Amino acid sequence: MAPRVDFLNLAAIFWLLLSSFIPPVEAYDGGDALALLLGTVLAVVGLCACLGWYFLILLKSTE
């Protein structure tokens, strides 16, 4: 029987795969860290907003 992969494990594997394509940076300062953190937060909030909108539409269509 094959092991069951849940969503968090799949997301972690996908994140590690994508982060392996990023080349290392020699000059990494506070501005770069802030931009990376802000981009990550905005991407997560956008993904959650899209998922919430999708499930709201899905819920309304089943009623």
Protein backbone atom coordinates (compact mmCIF):
# COMPACT_ATOMS: atom_id res chain seq x y z
CA MET A 1 0.00 0.00 0.00
CA ALA A 2 1.38 3.41 -0.97
CA PRO A 3 1.81 6.02 1.79
CA ARG A 4 -0.78 8.77 1.88
CA VAL A 5 0.63 12.26 1.30
CA ASP A 6 -1.37 15.03 2.94
CA PHE A 7 -1.56 18.63 1.75
CA LEU A 8 1.06 20.06 4.15
CA ASN A 9 3.67 17.49 3.19
CA LEU A 10 2.95 18.08 -0.48
CA ALA A 11 3.21 21.86 0.01
CA ALA A 12 6.53 21.45 1.85
CA ILE A 13 7.94 19.25 -0.90
CA PHE A 14 6.77 21.71 -3.57
CA TRP A 15 8.30 24.65 -1.65
CA LEU A 16 11.63 22.84 -1.30
CA LEU A 17 11.60 22.01 -5.00
CA LEU A 18 10.93 25.63 -5.97
CA SER A 19 13.48 27.01 -3.52
CA SER A 20 16.16 24.77 -4.99
CA PHE A 21 15.92 26.72 -8.27
CA ILE A 22 16.78 30.04 -6.59
CA PRO A 23 20.46 30.88 -7.07
CA PRO A 24 22.43 31.88 -3.95
CA VAL A 25 22.92 35.60 -3.40
CA GLU A 26 26.20 37.14 -2.32
CA ALA A 27 24.91 40.57 -1.23
CA TYR A 28 21.82 39.98 0.88
CA ASP A 29 20.86 42.94 3.06
CA GLY A 30 17.87 44.02 5.13
CA GLY A 31 15.97 45.44 2.17
CA ASP A 32 16.14 42.13 0.35
CA ALA A 33 14.94 40.28 3.43
CA LEU A 34 12.05 42.70 3.87
CA ALA A 35 11.06 42.39 0.21
CA LEU A 36 11.18 38.60 0.42
CA LEU A 37 9.09 38.59 3.60
CA LEU A 38 6.55 41.04 2.17
CA GLY A 39 6.28 39.06 -1.06
CA THR A 40 5.75 35.83 0.85
CA VAL A 41 3.06 37.37 3.06
CA LEU A 42 1.25 38.89 0.07
CA ALA A 43 1.40 35.60 -1.82
CA VAL A 44 -0.07 33.66 1.12
CA VAL A 45 -2.81 36.24 1.70
CA GLY A 46 -3.65 36.24 -2.01
CA LEU A 47 -3.79 32.45 -2.12
CA CYS A 48 -6.07 32.35 0.94
CA ALA A 49 -8.32 35.03 -0.59
CA CYS A 50 -8.62 33.09 -3.84
CA LEU A 51 -9.35 29.84 -2.01
CA GLY A 52 -11.96 31.57 0.15
CA TRP A 53 -13.63 33.09 -2.90
CA TYR A 54 -13.61 29.72 -4.69
CA PHE A 55 -15.15 27.87 -1.74
CA LEU A 56 -17.74 30.63 -1.27
CA ILE A 57 -18.81 30.25 -4.91
CA LEU A 58 -18.77 26.46 -4.52
CA LEU A 59 -20.91 26.66 -1.37
CA LYS A 60 -23.44 28.99 -3.01
CA SER A 61 -23.77 26.69 -6.03
CA THR A 62 -24.64 23.68 -3.84
CA GLU A 63 -27.48 25.48 -2.05
